[in-house]
N, C-alpha and C. Protein backbone atom coordinates (compact mmCIF):
# COMPACT_ATOMS: atom_id res chain seq x y z
N MET A 1 88.12 104.96 89.13
CA MET A 1 88.69 104.37 90.32
C MET A 1 88.45 102.87 90.31
N LEU A 2 89.48 102.10 90.70
CA LEU A 2 89.33 100.67 90.95
C LEU A 2 89.44 100.47 92.45
N VAL A 3 88.43 99.85 93.04
CA VAL A 3 88.33 99.79 94.49
C VAL A 3 87.87 98.41 94.94
N HIS A 4 88.15 98.10 96.23
CA HIS A 4 87.74 96.79 96.75
C HIS A 4 87.35 96.88 98.22
N SER A 5 86.51 97.84 98.53
CA SER A 5 86.00 97.99 99.88
C SER A 5 84.53 98.41 99.79
N PRO A 6 83.60 97.43 99.65
CA PRO A 6 82.20 97.76 99.36
C PRO A 6 81.56 98.78 100.28
N GLY A 7 81.85 98.70 101.58
CA GLY A 7 81.24 99.65 102.50
C GLY A 7 81.68 101.08 102.23
N LEU A 8 82.98 101.28 102.04
CA LEU A 8 83.49 102.62 101.75
C LEU A 8 83.06 103.09 100.36
N GLU A 9 82.96 102.15 99.42
CA GLU A 9 82.49 102.50 98.07
C GLU A 9 81.08 103.07 98.14
N GLN A 10 80.21 102.40 98.93
CA GLN A 10 78.83 102.86 99.02
C GLN A 10 78.75 104.24 99.65
N GLU A 11 79.58 104.49 100.66
CA GLU A 11 79.63 105.83 101.26
C GLU A 11 80.03 106.87 100.22
N PHE A 12 81.02 106.55 99.41
CA PHE A 12 81.52 107.44 98.37
C PHE A 12 80.41 107.78 97.38
N ILE A 13 79.63 106.75 97.02
CA ILE A 13 78.52 106.94 96.08
C ILE A 13 77.39 107.73 96.74
N ASP A 14 77.03 107.35 97.97
CA ASP A 14 75.93 108.02 98.67
C ASP A 14 76.22 109.50 98.90
N GLN A 15 77.48 109.85 99.03
CA GLN A 15 77.86 111.26 99.22
C GLN A 15 77.95 112.03 97.91
N GLY A 16 77.67 111.33 96.81
CA GLY A 16 77.61 111.98 95.51
C GLY A 16 78.93 112.06 94.77
N TYR A 17 79.98 111.45 95.31
CA TYR A 17 81.29 111.54 94.67
C TYR A 17 81.50 110.47 93.59
N GLY A 18 80.81 109.36 93.69
CA GLY A 18 80.99 108.27 92.74
C GLY A 18 79.73 107.99 91.95
N ILE A 19 79.90 107.70 90.65
CA ILE A 19 78.77 107.36 89.78
C ILE A 19 79.18 106.20 88.88
N ASN A 20 78.18 105.58 88.27
CA ASN A 20 78.38 104.49 87.32
C ASN A 20 79.24 103.36 87.89
N PRO A 21 78.87 102.82 89.06
CA PRO A 21 79.67 101.74 89.64
C PRO A 21 79.40 100.40 88.94
N HIS A 22 80.43 99.65 88.68
CA HIS A 22 80.30 98.31 88.11
C HIS A 22 81.32 97.39 88.79
N CYS A 23 80.86 96.29 89.37
CA CYS A 23 81.82 95.31 89.86
C CYS A 23 82.17 94.37 88.71
N PHE A 24 83.40 93.89 88.70
CA PHE A 24 83.84 93.12 87.54
C PHE A 24 84.65 91.87 87.88
N ALA A 25 85.12 91.73 89.12
CA ALA A 25 85.93 90.56 89.46
C ALA A 25 86.00 90.40 90.97
N TYR A 26 86.48 89.25 91.40
CA TYR A 26 86.71 89.04 92.83
C TYR A 26 87.88 88.08 93.02
N ASN A 27 88.41 88.08 94.20
CA ASN A 27 89.32 87.03 94.66
C ASN A 27 89.13 86.92 96.16
N ASN A 28 90.08 86.37 96.86
CA ASN A 28 89.90 86.14 98.28
C ASN A 28 91.04 86.71 99.10
N PHE A 29 90.70 87.14 100.29
CA PHE A 29 91.71 87.42 101.29
C PHE A 29 92.11 86.09 101.93
N LEU A 30 93.26 86.09 102.56
CA LEU A 30 93.76 84.92 103.27
C LEU A 30 94.24 85.35 104.65
N ILE A 31 94.12 84.47 105.62
CA ILE A 31 94.83 84.66 106.87
C ILE A 31 96.04 83.73 106.80
N VAL A 32 97.21 84.33 106.82
CA VAL A 32 98.45 83.55 106.72
C VAL A 32 99.24 83.69 108.01
N GLY A 33 100.13 82.75 108.22
CA GLY A 33 100.94 82.77 109.43
C GLY A 33 102.01 81.71 109.37
N PRO A 34 102.76 81.55 110.45
CA PRO A 34 103.82 80.54 110.48
C PRO A 34 103.24 79.14 110.44
N ASP A 35 103.99 78.22 109.86
CA ASP A 35 103.53 76.84 109.75
C ASP A 35 103.29 76.22 111.13
N SER A 36 103.99 76.71 112.14
CA SER A 36 103.79 76.18 113.50
C SER A 36 102.43 76.53 114.06
N ASP A 37 101.81 77.59 113.53
CA ASP A 37 100.45 78.01 113.90
C ASP A 37 100.24 78.01 115.42
N PRO A 38 100.95 78.88 116.15
CA PRO A 38 100.90 78.82 117.62
C PRO A 38 99.52 79.05 118.23
N ALA A 39 98.62 79.74 117.53
CA ALA A 39 97.26 79.94 118.06
C ALA A 39 96.30 78.85 117.61
N LYS A 40 96.77 77.95 116.73
CA LYS A 40 95.96 76.81 116.25
C LYS A 40 94.67 77.28 115.57
N ILE A 41 94.82 78.12 114.55
CA ILE A 41 93.64 78.67 113.86
C ILE A 41 93.34 77.98 112.54
N LYS A 42 94.15 77.06 112.10
CA LYS A 42 94.01 76.47 110.78
C LYS A 42 92.60 75.94 110.55
N ASN A 43 92.00 76.36 109.42
CA ASN A 43 90.68 75.93 108.96
C ASN A 43 89.52 76.43 109.83
N MET A 44 89.78 77.39 110.70
CA MET A 44 88.68 78.04 111.41
C MET A 44 87.97 79.00 110.46
N THR A 45 86.83 79.54 110.87
CA THR A 45 86.24 80.65 110.13
C THR A 45 87.10 81.88 110.39
N PRO A 46 87.03 82.89 109.53
CA PRO A 46 87.83 84.10 109.79
C PRO A 46 87.55 84.72 111.16
N GLU A 47 86.26 84.75 111.52
CA GLU A 47 85.90 85.36 112.81
C GLU A 47 86.47 84.55 113.97
N GLU A 48 86.37 83.22 113.89
CA GLU A 48 86.92 82.37 114.95
C GLU A 48 88.44 82.54 115.04
N ALA A 49 89.08 82.63 113.88
CA ALA A 49 90.53 82.76 113.86
C ALA A 49 90.97 84.07 114.51
N PHE A 50 90.32 85.17 114.16
CA PHE A 50 90.69 86.46 114.75
C PHE A 50 90.47 86.45 116.27
N LYS A 51 89.34 85.90 116.71
CA LYS A 51 89.06 85.86 118.14
C LYS A 51 90.09 85.02 118.87
N THR A 52 90.45 83.89 118.27
CA THR A 52 91.44 83.01 118.88
C THR A 52 92.81 83.69 118.97
N ILE A 53 93.19 84.39 117.90
CA ILE A 53 94.47 85.11 117.91
C ILE A 53 94.46 86.20 118.97
N ALA A 54 93.35 86.95 119.06
CA ALA A 54 93.26 88.04 120.04
C ALA A 54 93.37 87.52 121.46
N ILE A 55 92.63 86.46 121.77
CA ILE A 55 92.67 85.90 123.12
C ILE A 55 94.08 85.42 123.46
N ALA A 56 94.68 84.71 122.51
CA ALA A 56 96.03 84.21 122.74
C ALA A 56 97.03 85.36 122.88
N GLY A 57 96.89 86.37 122.03
CA GLY A 57 97.81 87.50 122.09
C GLY A 57 97.68 88.28 123.37
N MET A 58 96.44 88.54 123.79
CA MET A 58 96.23 89.31 125.01
C MET A 58 96.66 88.54 126.26
N ASN A 59 96.71 87.21 126.15
CA ASN A 59 97.18 86.38 127.26
C ASN A 59 98.66 86.06 127.16
N ASP A 60 99.34 86.78 126.25
CA ASP A 60 100.79 86.63 126.09
C ASP A 60 101.21 85.20 125.77
N THR A 61 100.40 84.52 124.96
CA THR A 61 100.77 83.18 124.51
C THR A 61 102.04 83.27 123.67
N PRO A 62 103.06 82.50 123.99
CA PRO A 62 104.33 82.59 123.26
C PRO A 62 104.16 82.39 121.75
N GLY A 63 104.76 83.28 120.99
CA GLY A 63 104.77 83.14 119.54
C GLY A 63 103.57 83.70 118.82
N VAL A 64 102.56 84.21 119.54
CA VAL A 64 101.34 84.70 118.89
C VAL A 64 101.42 86.21 118.70
N ALA A 65 101.36 86.64 117.44
CA ALA A 65 101.35 88.06 117.10
C ALA A 65 100.58 88.24 115.81
N PHE A 66 100.04 89.43 115.63
CA PHE A 66 99.30 89.77 114.41
C PHE A 66 99.86 91.08 113.87
N VAL A 67 100.16 91.09 112.57
CA VAL A 67 100.68 92.30 111.93
C VAL A 67 99.61 92.85 111.00
N SER A 68 99.24 94.10 111.21
CA SER A 68 98.20 94.78 110.44
C SER A 68 98.82 95.81 109.51
N ARG A 69 98.19 96.04 108.37
CA ARG A 69 98.65 97.12 107.50
C ARG A 69 98.49 98.47 108.20
N GLY A 70 97.39 98.68 108.90
CA GLY A 70 97.20 99.92 109.63
C GLY A 70 97.26 101.16 108.77
N ASP A 71 96.81 101.04 107.51
CA ASP A 71 96.99 102.15 106.57
C ASP A 71 95.70 102.65 105.94
N ASN A 72 94.55 102.23 106.50
CA ASN A 72 93.24 102.64 105.99
C ASN A 72 93.00 102.19 104.54
N SER A 73 93.66 101.15 104.12
CA SER A 73 93.45 100.57 102.79
C SER A 73 92.21 99.68 102.79
N GLY A 74 91.86 99.16 101.62
CA GLY A 74 90.75 98.23 101.54
C GLY A 74 90.99 96.99 102.38
N THR A 75 92.23 96.51 102.38
CA THR A 75 92.57 95.33 103.18
C THR A 75 92.48 95.64 104.67
N HIS A 76 92.96 96.81 105.07
CA HIS A 76 92.86 97.21 106.48
C HIS A 76 91.40 97.37 106.89
N ASN A 77 90.59 97.93 105.99
CA ASN A 77 89.17 98.07 106.26
C ASN A 77 88.52 96.70 106.45
N ARG A 78 88.90 95.72 105.61
CA ARG A 78 88.34 94.38 105.76
C ARG A 78 88.79 93.74 107.07
N GLU A 79 90.02 93.97 107.46
CA GLU A 79 90.49 93.46 108.75
C GLU A 79 89.60 93.98 109.87
N GLN A 80 89.29 95.27 109.84
CA GLN A 80 88.45 95.86 110.87
C GLN A 80 87.05 95.24 110.87
N GLN A 81 86.53 94.93 109.68
CA GLN A 81 85.23 94.28 109.58
C GLN A 81 85.25 92.91 110.24
N ILE A 82 86.36 92.18 110.04
CA ILE A 82 86.45 90.84 110.64
C ILE A 82 86.55 90.95 112.16
N TRP A 83 87.30 91.92 112.66
CA TRP A 83 87.35 92.11 114.11
C TRP A 83 85.95 92.39 114.65
N LYS A 84 85.18 93.22 113.94
CA LYS A 84 83.82 93.52 114.37
C LYS A 84 82.96 92.27 114.36
N ALA A 85 83.08 91.47 113.29
CA ALA A 85 82.31 90.22 113.21
C ALA A 85 82.70 89.25 114.31
N ALA A 86 83.94 89.36 114.79
CA ALA A 86 84.42 88.49 115.86
C ALA A 86 84.00 89.00 117.24
N GLY A 87 83.33 90.16 117.28
CA GLY A 87 82.81 90.68 118.53
C GLY A 87 83.66 91.74 119.20
N TYR A 88 84.59 92.32 118.44
CA TYR A 88 85.49 93.33 119.01
C TYR A 88 85.25 94.71 118.42
N ASN A 89 85.46 95.73 119.25
CA ASN A 89 85.56 97.09 118.76
C ASN A 89 87.02 97.32 118.42
N TYR A 90 87.29 97.57 117.15
CA TYR A 90 88.68 97.63 116.70
C TYR A 90 89.48 98.70 117.45
N THR A 91 88.90 99.88 117.59
CA THR A 91 89.63 100.99 118.20
C THR A 91 89.90 100.77 119.68
N THR A 92 88.89 100.30 120.41
CA THR A 92 89.03 100.19 121.87
C THR A 92 89.55 98.84 122.33
N ASP A 93 89.29 97.78 121.55
CA ASP A 93 89.65 96.43 122.00
C ASP A 93 90.94 95.89 121.38
N ILE A 94 91.26 96.33 120.16
CA ILE A 94 92.38 95.72 119.44
C ILE A 94 93.59 96.64 119.35
N GLN A 95 93.39 97.84 118.83
CA GLN A 95 94.53 98.77 118.73
C GLN A 95 95.09 99.07 120.13
N ASP A 96 96.38 99.09 120.24
CA ASP A 96 97.07 99.40 121.50
C ASP A 96 96.71 98.43 122.62
N SER A 97 96.33 97.20 122.24
CA SER A 97 95.95 96.22 123.27
C SER A 97 97.13 95.38 123.73
N GLY A 98 98.29 95.60 123.16
CA GLY A 98 99.48 94.86 123.59
C GLY A 98 100.49 94.72 122.48
N ASP A 99 101.64 94.17 122.86
CA ASP A 99 102.71 94.01 121.88
C ASP A 99 102.38 92.97 120.82
N TRP A 100 101.37 92.16 121.05
CA TRP A 100 101.00 91.13 120.09
C TRP A 100 100.45 91.73 118.80
N TYR A 101 99.90 92.96 118.86
CA TYR A 101 99.26 93.58 117.70
C TYR A 101 100.14 94.71 117.18
N VAL A 102 100.59 94.56 115.93
CA VAL A 102 101.55 95.50 115.33
C VAL A 102 100.95 96.11 114.07
N GLU A 103 100.97 97.44 113.96
CA GLU A 103 100.53 98.13 112.75
C GLU A 103 101.75 98.66 112.01
N THR A 104 101.82 98.34 110.70
CA THR A 104 102.99 98.76 109.92
C THR A 104 102.80 100.12 109.26
N GLY A 105 101.55 100.51 108.97
CA GLY A 105 101.32 101.73 108.21
C GLY A 105 101.85 101.63 106.80
N SER A 106 102.00 100.40 106.30
CA SER A 106 102.63 100.16 105.00
C SER A 106 101.74 99.32 104.10
N GLY A 107 102.20 99.12 102.87
CA GLY A 107 101.47 98.31 101.91
C GLY A 107 101.54 96.83 102.23
N MET A 108 100.89 96.03 101.38
CA MET A 108 100.77 94.61 101.66
C MET A 108 102.10 93.88 101.60
N GLY A 109 102.93 94.21 100.63
CA GLY A 109 104.21 93.53 100.52
C GLY A 109 105.09 93.74 101.74
N GLU A 110 105.18 94.97 102.20
CA GLU A 110 105.98 95.28 103.38
C GLU A 110 105.38 94.63 104.62
N THR A 111 104.06 94.61 104.71
CA THR A 111 103.39 94.00 105.86
C THR A 111 103.65 92.50 105.90
N LEU A 112 103.59 91.83 104.75
CA LEU A 112 103.91 90.40 104.69
C LEU A 112 105.36 90.15 105.11
N THR A 113 106.25 91.01 104.67
CA THR A 113 107.67 90.86 105.01
C THR A 113 107.89 90.97 106.51
N ILE A 114 107.23 91.95 107.14
CA ILE A 114 107.36 92.14 108.59
C ILE A 114 106.72 90.97 109.34
N ALA A 115 105.55 90.52 108.88
CA ALA A 115 104.91 89.37 109.51
C ALA A 115 105.81 88.14 109.41
N ASN A 116 106.47 88.00 108.29
CA ASN A 116 107.39 86.87 108.11
C ASN A 116 108.56 86.96 109.09
N GLN A 117 109.10 88.16 109.24
CA GLN A 117 110.22 88.36 110.17
C GLN A 117 109.82 88.06 111.60
N LYS A 118 108.58 88.41 111.96
CA LYS A 118 108.10 88.23 113.32
C LYS A 118 107.44 86.87 113.53
N GLU A 119 107.33 86.06 112.45
CA GLU A 119 106.61 84.78 112.50
C GLU A 119 105.21 85.01 113.06
N ALA A 120 104.53 85.99 112.45
CA ALA A 120 103.22 86.43 112.93
C ALA A 120 102.14 86.14 111.91
N TYR A 121 100.90 86.31 112.34
CA TYR A 121 99.75 86.20 111.46
C TYR A 121 99.49 87.53 110.78
N THR A 122 98.86 87.48 109.61
CA THR A 122 98.38 88.70 108.97
C THR A 122 97.27 88.36 107.99
N LEU A 123 96.54 89.38 107.58
CA LEU A 123 95.50 89.25 106.55
C LEU A 123 96.09 89.79 105.26
N SER A 124 96.00 88.99 104.19
CA SER A 124 96.57 89.41 102.90
C SER A 124 95.60 89.10 101.78
N ASP A 125 95.66 89.92 100.73
CA ASP A 125 94.97 89.52 99.50
C ASP A 125 95.80 88.40 98.87
N ILE A 126 95.13 87.51 98.14
CA ILE A 126 95.81 86.34 97.60
C ILE A 126 96.87 86.71 96.58
N GLY A 127 96.63 87.76 95.78
CA GLY A 127 97.56 88.14 94.74
C GLY A 127 98.92 88.53 95.29
N THR A 128 98.93 89.40 96.30
CA THR A 128 100.21 89.84 96.87
C THR A 128 100.90 88.69 97.58
N TYR A 129 100.12 87.84 98.26
CA TYR A 129 100.72 86.69 98.94
C TYR A 129 101.42 85.78 97.94
N LEU A 130 100.76 85.47 96.83
CA LEU A 130 101.37 84.59 95.83
C LEU A 130 102.61 85.23 95.22
N ALA A 131 102.56 86.55 95.00
CA ALA A 131 103.70 87.25 94.42
C ALA A 131 104.92 87.22 95.34
N PHE A 132 104.69 87.20 96.66
CA PHE A 132 105.78 87.22 97.64
C PHE A 132 106.07 85.84 98.23
N LYS A 133 105.27 84.85 97.86
CA LYS A 133 105.33 83.54 98.52
C LYS A 133 106.73 82.95 98.57
N SER A 134 107.49 83.08 97.49
CA SER A 134 108.82 82.48 97.43
C SER A 134 109.79 83.12 98.43
N GLN A 135 109.44 84.30 98.92
CA GLN A 135 110.30 85.01 99.87
C GLN A 135 109.84 84.82 101.32
N LEU A 136 108.75 84.06 101.51
CA LEU A 136 108.11 83.96 102.82
C LEU A 136 108.12 82.54 103.36
N ASN A 137 108.06 82.45 104.68
CA ASN A 137 107.82 81.18 105.35
C ASN A 137 106.39 81.09 105.87
N LEU A 138 105.56 82.07 105.52
CA LEU A 138 104.17 82.09 105.95
C LEU A 138 103.34 81.17 105.07
N VAL A 139 102.37 80.48 105.67
CA VAL A 139 101.51 79.56 104.93
C VAL A 139 100.06 80.00 105.05
N GLN A 140 99.23 79.52 104.12
CA GLN A 140 97.80 79.82 104.15
C GLN A 140 97.14 78.98 105.24
N LEU A 141 96.49 79.64 106.19
CA LEU A 141 95.86 78.94 107.31
C LEU A 141 94.34 79.01 107.27
N VAL A 142 93.79 80.14 106.86
CA VAL A 142 92.33 80.31 106.73
C VAL A 142 92.06 80.88 105.35
N THR A 143 91.33 80.13 104.54
CA THR A 143 91.11 80.52 103.15
C THR A 143 89.65 80.60 102.76
N GLU A 144 88.75 80.21 103.65
CA GLU A 144 87.33 80.18 103.31
C GLU A 144 86.52 80.96 104.33
N GLY A 145 85.38 81.49 103.86
CA GLY A 145 84.50 82.27 104.71
C GLY A 145 84.06 83.54 104.02
N GLY A 146 82.81 83.91 104.21
CA GLY A 146 82.26 85.08 103.53
C GLY A 146 83.04 86.35 103.78
N GLU A 147 83.64 86.49 104.96
CA GLU A 147 84.39 87.70 105.29
C GLU A 147 85.68 87.84 104.47
N LEU A 148 86.07 86.76 103.79
CA LEU A 148 87.31 86.80 103.01
C LEU A 148 87.08 87.08 101.54
N MET A 149 85.82 87.19 101.12
CA MET A 149 85.53 87.50 99.72
C MET A 149 85.94 88.94 99.42
N ASN A 150 86.65 89.13 98.32
CA ASN A 150 87.26 90.43 97.99
C ASN A 150 86.77 90.87 96.62
N ARG A 151 85.76 91.74 96.60
CA ARG A 151 85.11 92.16 95.34
C ARG A 151 85.74 93.44 94.81
N TYR A 152 85.98 93.46 93.50
CA TYR A 152 86.58 94.64 92.86
C TYR A 152 85.56 95.36 91.98
N SER A 153 85.54 96.69 92.07
CA SER A 153 84.61 97.50 91.29
C SER A 153 85.33 98.67 90.63
N ALA A 154 84.74 99.14 89.54
CA ALA A 154 85.18 100.37 88.89
C ALA A 154 84.11 101.43 89.11
N ILE A 155 84.52 102.62 89.51
CA ILE A 155 83.59 103.71 89.78
C ILE A 155 84.12 104.98 89.13
N ALA A 156 83.25 105.70 88.45
CA ALA A 156 83.65 106.99 87.88
C ALA A 156 83.46 108.08 88.94
N VAL A 157 84.37 109.03 88.97
CA VAL A 157 84.24 110.17 89.88
C VAL A 157 83.27 111.17 89.25
N ASN A 158 82.33 111.65 90.05
CA ASN A 158 81.30 112.57 89.58
C ASN A 158 81.93 113.90 89.15
N PRO A 159 81.79 114.29 87.88
CA PRO A 159 82.38 115.56 87.43
C PRO A 159 81.76 116.78 88.09
N GLU A 160 80.55 116.61 88.66
CA GLU A 160 79.95 117.73 89.38
C GLU A 160 80.69 118.01 90.69
N LYS A 161 81.41 117.01 91.19
CA LYS A 161 82.20 117.18 92.41
C LYS A 161 83.64 117.56 92.11
N ASN A 162 84.10 117.19 90.91
CA ASN A 162 85.47 117.50 90.53
C ASN A 162 85.50 117.88 89.06
N PRO A 163 85.61 119.16 88.74
CA PRO A 163 85.53 119.62 87.35
C PRO A 163 86.68 119.13 86.47
N ASN A 164 87.73 118.58 87.07
CA ASN A 164 88.86 118.09 86.28
C ASN A 164 88.65 116.67 85.76
N VAL A 165 87.54 116.05 86.12
CA VAL A 165 87.26 114.68 85.68
C VAL A 165 86.88 114.66 84.21
N ASN A 166 87.45 113.74 83.46
CA ASN A 166 87.05 113.49 82.07
C ASN A 166 86.07 112.33 82.09
N ILE A 167 84.79 112.63 82.24
CA ILE A 167 83.80 111.59 82.47
C ILE A 167 83.63 110.67 81.27
N ASP A 168 83.80 111.20 80.06
CA ASP A 168 83.67 110.34 78.88
C ASP A 168 84.75 109.26 78.87
N GLU A 169 85.98 109.65 79.18
CA GLU A 169 87.07 108.67 79.21
C GLU A 169 86.90 107.72 80.39
N ALA A 170 86.41 108.22 81.51
CA ALA A 170 86.17 107.36 82.67
C ALA A 170 85.15 106.28 82.34
N ASN A 171 84.06 106.68 81.66
CA ASN A 171 83.04 105.70 81.30
C ASN A 171 83.53 104.73 80.23
N ARG A 172 84.40 105.21 79.33
CA ARG A 172 84.99 104.31 78.34
C ARG A 172 85.87 103.26 79.03
N PHE A 173 86.60 103.69 80.06
CA PHE A 173 87.43 102.75 80.81
C PHE A 173 86.56 101.70 81.48
N ILE A 174 85.44 102.12 82.08
CA ILE A 174 84.54 101.18 82.74
C ILE A 174 83.97 100.20 81.71
N ASP A 175 83.59 100.71 80.53
CA ASP A 175 83.11 99.82 79.47
C ASP A 175 84.18 98.80 79.09
N TRP A 176 85.43 99.25 79.04
CA TRP A 176 86.52 98.35 78.65
C TRP A 176 86.79 97.28 79.70
N ILE A 177 86.87 97.68 80.97
CA ILE A 177 87.24 96.72 82.00
C ILE A 177 86.12 95.73 82.29
N THR A 178 84.88 96.07 81.91
CA THR A 178 83.76 95.14 82.10
C THR A 178 83.42 94.38 80.83
N SER A 179 84.21 94.54 79.78
CA SER A 179 83.94 93.84 78.52
C SER A 179 84.35 92.38 78.63
N ASN A 180 83.78 91.54 77.78
CA ASN A 180 84.12 90.12 77.78
C ASN A 180 85.60 89.90 77.50
N GLU A 181 86.15 90.67 76.58
CA GLU A 181 87.55 90.52 76.21
C GLU A 181 88.46 90.75 77.42
N THR A 182 88.18 91.82 78.17
CA THR A 182 89.00 92.12 79.34
C THR A 182 88.77 91.11 80.45
N LYS A 183 87.53 90.69 80.63
CA LYS A 183 87.24 89.70 81.67
C LYS A 183 87.93 88.38 81.38
N GLU A 184 88.03 88.02 80.12
CA GLU A 184 88.76 86.79 79.77
C GLU A 184 90.23 86.92 80.16
N PHE A 185 90.81 88.09 79.89
CA PHE A 185 92.20 88.34 80.28
C PHE A 185 92.35 88.28 81.80
N ILE A 186 91.41 88.91 82.52
CA ILE A 186 91.44 88.91 83.98
C ILE A 186 91.41 87.48 84.52
N GLY A 187 90.55 86.64 83.92
CA GLY A 187 90.40 85.27 84.38
C GLY A 187 91.61 84.40 84.14
N ASN A 188 92.48 84.82 83.23
CA ASN A 188 93.70 84.05 82.94
C ASN A 188 94.95 84.64 83.58
N PHE A 189 94.81 85.83 84.14
CA PHE A 189 95.98 86.53 84.68
C PHE A 189 96.53 85.78 85.90
N GLY A 190 97.81 85.45 85.85
CA GLY A 190 98.46 84.77 86.96
C GLY A 190 98.60 83.28 86.79
N VAL A 191 97.84 82.68 85.85
CA VAL A 191 97.86 81.22 85.69
C VAL A 191 99.25 80.73 85.30
N ALA A 192 99.87 81.39 84.33
CA ALA A 192 101.19 80.94 83.86
C ALA A 192 102.24 81.02 84.96
N GLU A 193 102.18 82.06 85.78
CA GLU A 193 103.21 82.26 86.80
C GLU A 193 102.93 81.53 88.10
N PHE A 194 101.65 81.49 88.52
CA PHE A 194 101.32 80.95 89.83
C PHE A 194 100.52 79.65 89.79
N GLY A 195 100.10 79.23 88.59
CA GLY A 195 99.31 78.02 88.48
C GLY A 195 97.85 78.20 88.81
N GLN A 196 97.42 79.42 89.04
CA GLN A 196 96.03 79.74 89.32
C GLN A 196 95.78 81.20 89.01
N PRO A 197 94.55 81.56 88.64
CA PRO A 197 94.26 82.97 88.36
C PRO A 197 94.27 83.79 89.64
N LEU A 198 94.67 85.04 89.52
CA LEU A 198 94.65 85.93 90.68
C LEU A 198 93.29 86.56 90.90
N PHE A 199 92.44 86.56 89.86
CA PHE A 199 91.10 87.14 89.95
C PHE A 199 90.12 86.25 89.19
N VAL A 200 88.86 86.29 89.62
CA VAL A 200 87.79 85.58 88.93
C VAL A 200 86.81 86.63 88.40
N PRO A 201 86.57 86.68 87.09
CA PRO A 201 85.64 87.68 86.56
C PRO A 201 84.21 87.42 87.01
N LEU A 202 83.44 88.48 87.15
CA LEU A 202 82.04 88.40 87.57
C LEU A 202 81.11 88.68 86.40
N TYR A 203 80.05 87.87 86.30
CA TYR A 203 79.04 88.04 85.26
C TYR A 203 77.66 87.99 85.90
N PRO A 204 76.66 88.65 85.28
CA PRO A 204 75.29 88.50 85.76
C PRO A 204 74.77 87.12 85.38
N PRO A 205 73.81 86.57 86.14
CA PRO A 205 73.19 87.17 87.33
C PRO A 205 73.97 86.93 88.62
N GLU A 206 75.02 86.10 88.57
CA GLU A 206 75.78 85.77 89.76
C GLU A 206 76.23 87.00 90.53
N CYS A 207 76.66 88.04 89.80
CA CYS A 207 77.26 89.20 90.46
C CYS A 207 76.27 89.98 91.33
N SER A 208 74.98 89.87 91.03
CA SER A 208 73.99 90.62 91.80
C SER A 208 73.47 89.82 93.00
N GLN A 209 73.95 88.59 93.15
CA GLN A 209 73.48 87.71 94.21
C GLN A 209 74.52 87.62 95.33
N PRO A 210 74.10 87.18 96.54
CA PRO A 210 75.08 86.98 97.62
C PRO A 210 76.13 85.96 97.20
N PRO A 211 77.38 86.11 97.59
CA PRO A 211 77.88 87.14 98.52
C PRO A 211 78.34 88.42 97.82
N PHE A 212 78.17 88.50 96.49
CA PHE A 212 78.73 89.63 95.75
C PHE A 212 77.88 90.89 95.88
N ASN A 213 76.56 90.75 95.67
CA ASN A 213 75.61 91.85 95.89
C ASN A 213 75.97 93.13 95.16
N CYS A 214 76.38 93.01 93.89
CA CYS A 214 76.70 94.19 93.10
C CYS A 214 75.43 94.94 92.73
N THR A 215 75.46 96.25 92.82
CA THR A 215 74.31 97.03 92.37
C THR A 215 74.25 97.07 90.85
N THR A 216 75.40 97.06 90.20
CA THR A 216 75.47 97.06 88.74
C THR A 216 76.66 96.22 88.30
N CYS A 217 76.42 95.32 87.35
CA CYS A 217 77.53 94.59 86.75
C CYS A 217 77.16 94.30 85.30
N SER A 218 78.12 94.44 84.43
CA SER A 218 77.87 94.35 83.00
C SER A 218 77.95 92.92 82.52
N SER A 219 77.13 92.60 81.51
CA SER A 219 77.19 91.30 80.86
C SER A 219 78.44 91.17 80.02
N GLY A 220 79.05 92.31 79.69
CA GLY A 220 80.27 92.29 78.89
C GLY A 220 80.05 91.97 77.44
N GLU A 221 78.81 92.10 76.99
CA GLU A 221 78.50 91.72 75.62
C GLU A 221 79.12 92.66 74.60
N VAL A 222 79.33 93.92 75.00
CA VAL A 222 79.95 94.88 74.09
C VAL A 222 81.42 94.98 74.44
N ASN A 223 82.28 94.58 73.54
CA ASN A 223 83.71 94.64 73.77
C ASN A 223 84.24 96.02 73.40
N ALA A 224 84.49 96.82 74.40
CA ALA A 224 85.00 98.17 74.16
C ALA A 224 86.51 98.14 74.08
N THR A 225 87.08 99.14 73.47
CA THR A 225 88.53 99.24 73.42
C THR A 225 88.95 100.56 74.02
N ALA A 226 90.10 100.55 74.65
CA ALA A 226 90.58 101.77 75.29
C ALA A 226 91.70 102.37 74.46
C-alpha cells in the first residue's frame, strides 16, 4: 500500500493489518482559491486560513465558499485535521453549516474543477493542482505550515490478516521504492513538465525527525529491482 495519512496509517498498523512501514517521500498540500481572495487568507497559516474562511462563510460573506473532497481520502482526512487545529469540530461545526461548505464526494481533479467553477477555496495536493493548473483560475494562497506537509509511506499488508497477500513481493516492492535509484527518479519526477519536482525523497536521519517523524525509513543503500 502507498498511503499519505499518518494518523490512519498508525491505526492500520496498531490494529495488526499493516507491517514493515517505510516512509519514502513528501510534498505539500496547498490552499488554493480565486485570485480575488474574498476571505483575504493569502499567506496566513493553514489554521488561520480555515478559521477565516469558516467565519466569512458562516456570515454569508459574498464570494466565500469552500469545496471539500468529502470522500474519506488522505486529503479529506488532512482537511479535517486542519479544521480541528483551527478549533472546530468537523462533524458538528463545519459539515452542514451552510451553503458556503460543499462536499463533492469525488477525487482531487473533480474537486478542483468544481472549486474553479464556484470560484471557491479548496485544499489540494500540489501534484494534482499542477497537473490541472492550466485548466484553472485558482491560485496558490497558502503554501506553508506544518499542517500542509504531506508524507508518503509504503506499508505491507499483514498476511496473517489476509491470506491472499504475497508478502515476499510486497517487501520487494518496499525495498524497490525506498532504494536510492527509485528515490532519485522520485526527486526528478515532474521537473521537465512543471519546472519543479512533485515529490521530495526522504532519507535518514531527516525522515525520523519533525515534522516527518517516520518510524522507519530506509537509507536506500541497497538498490533493489522489481
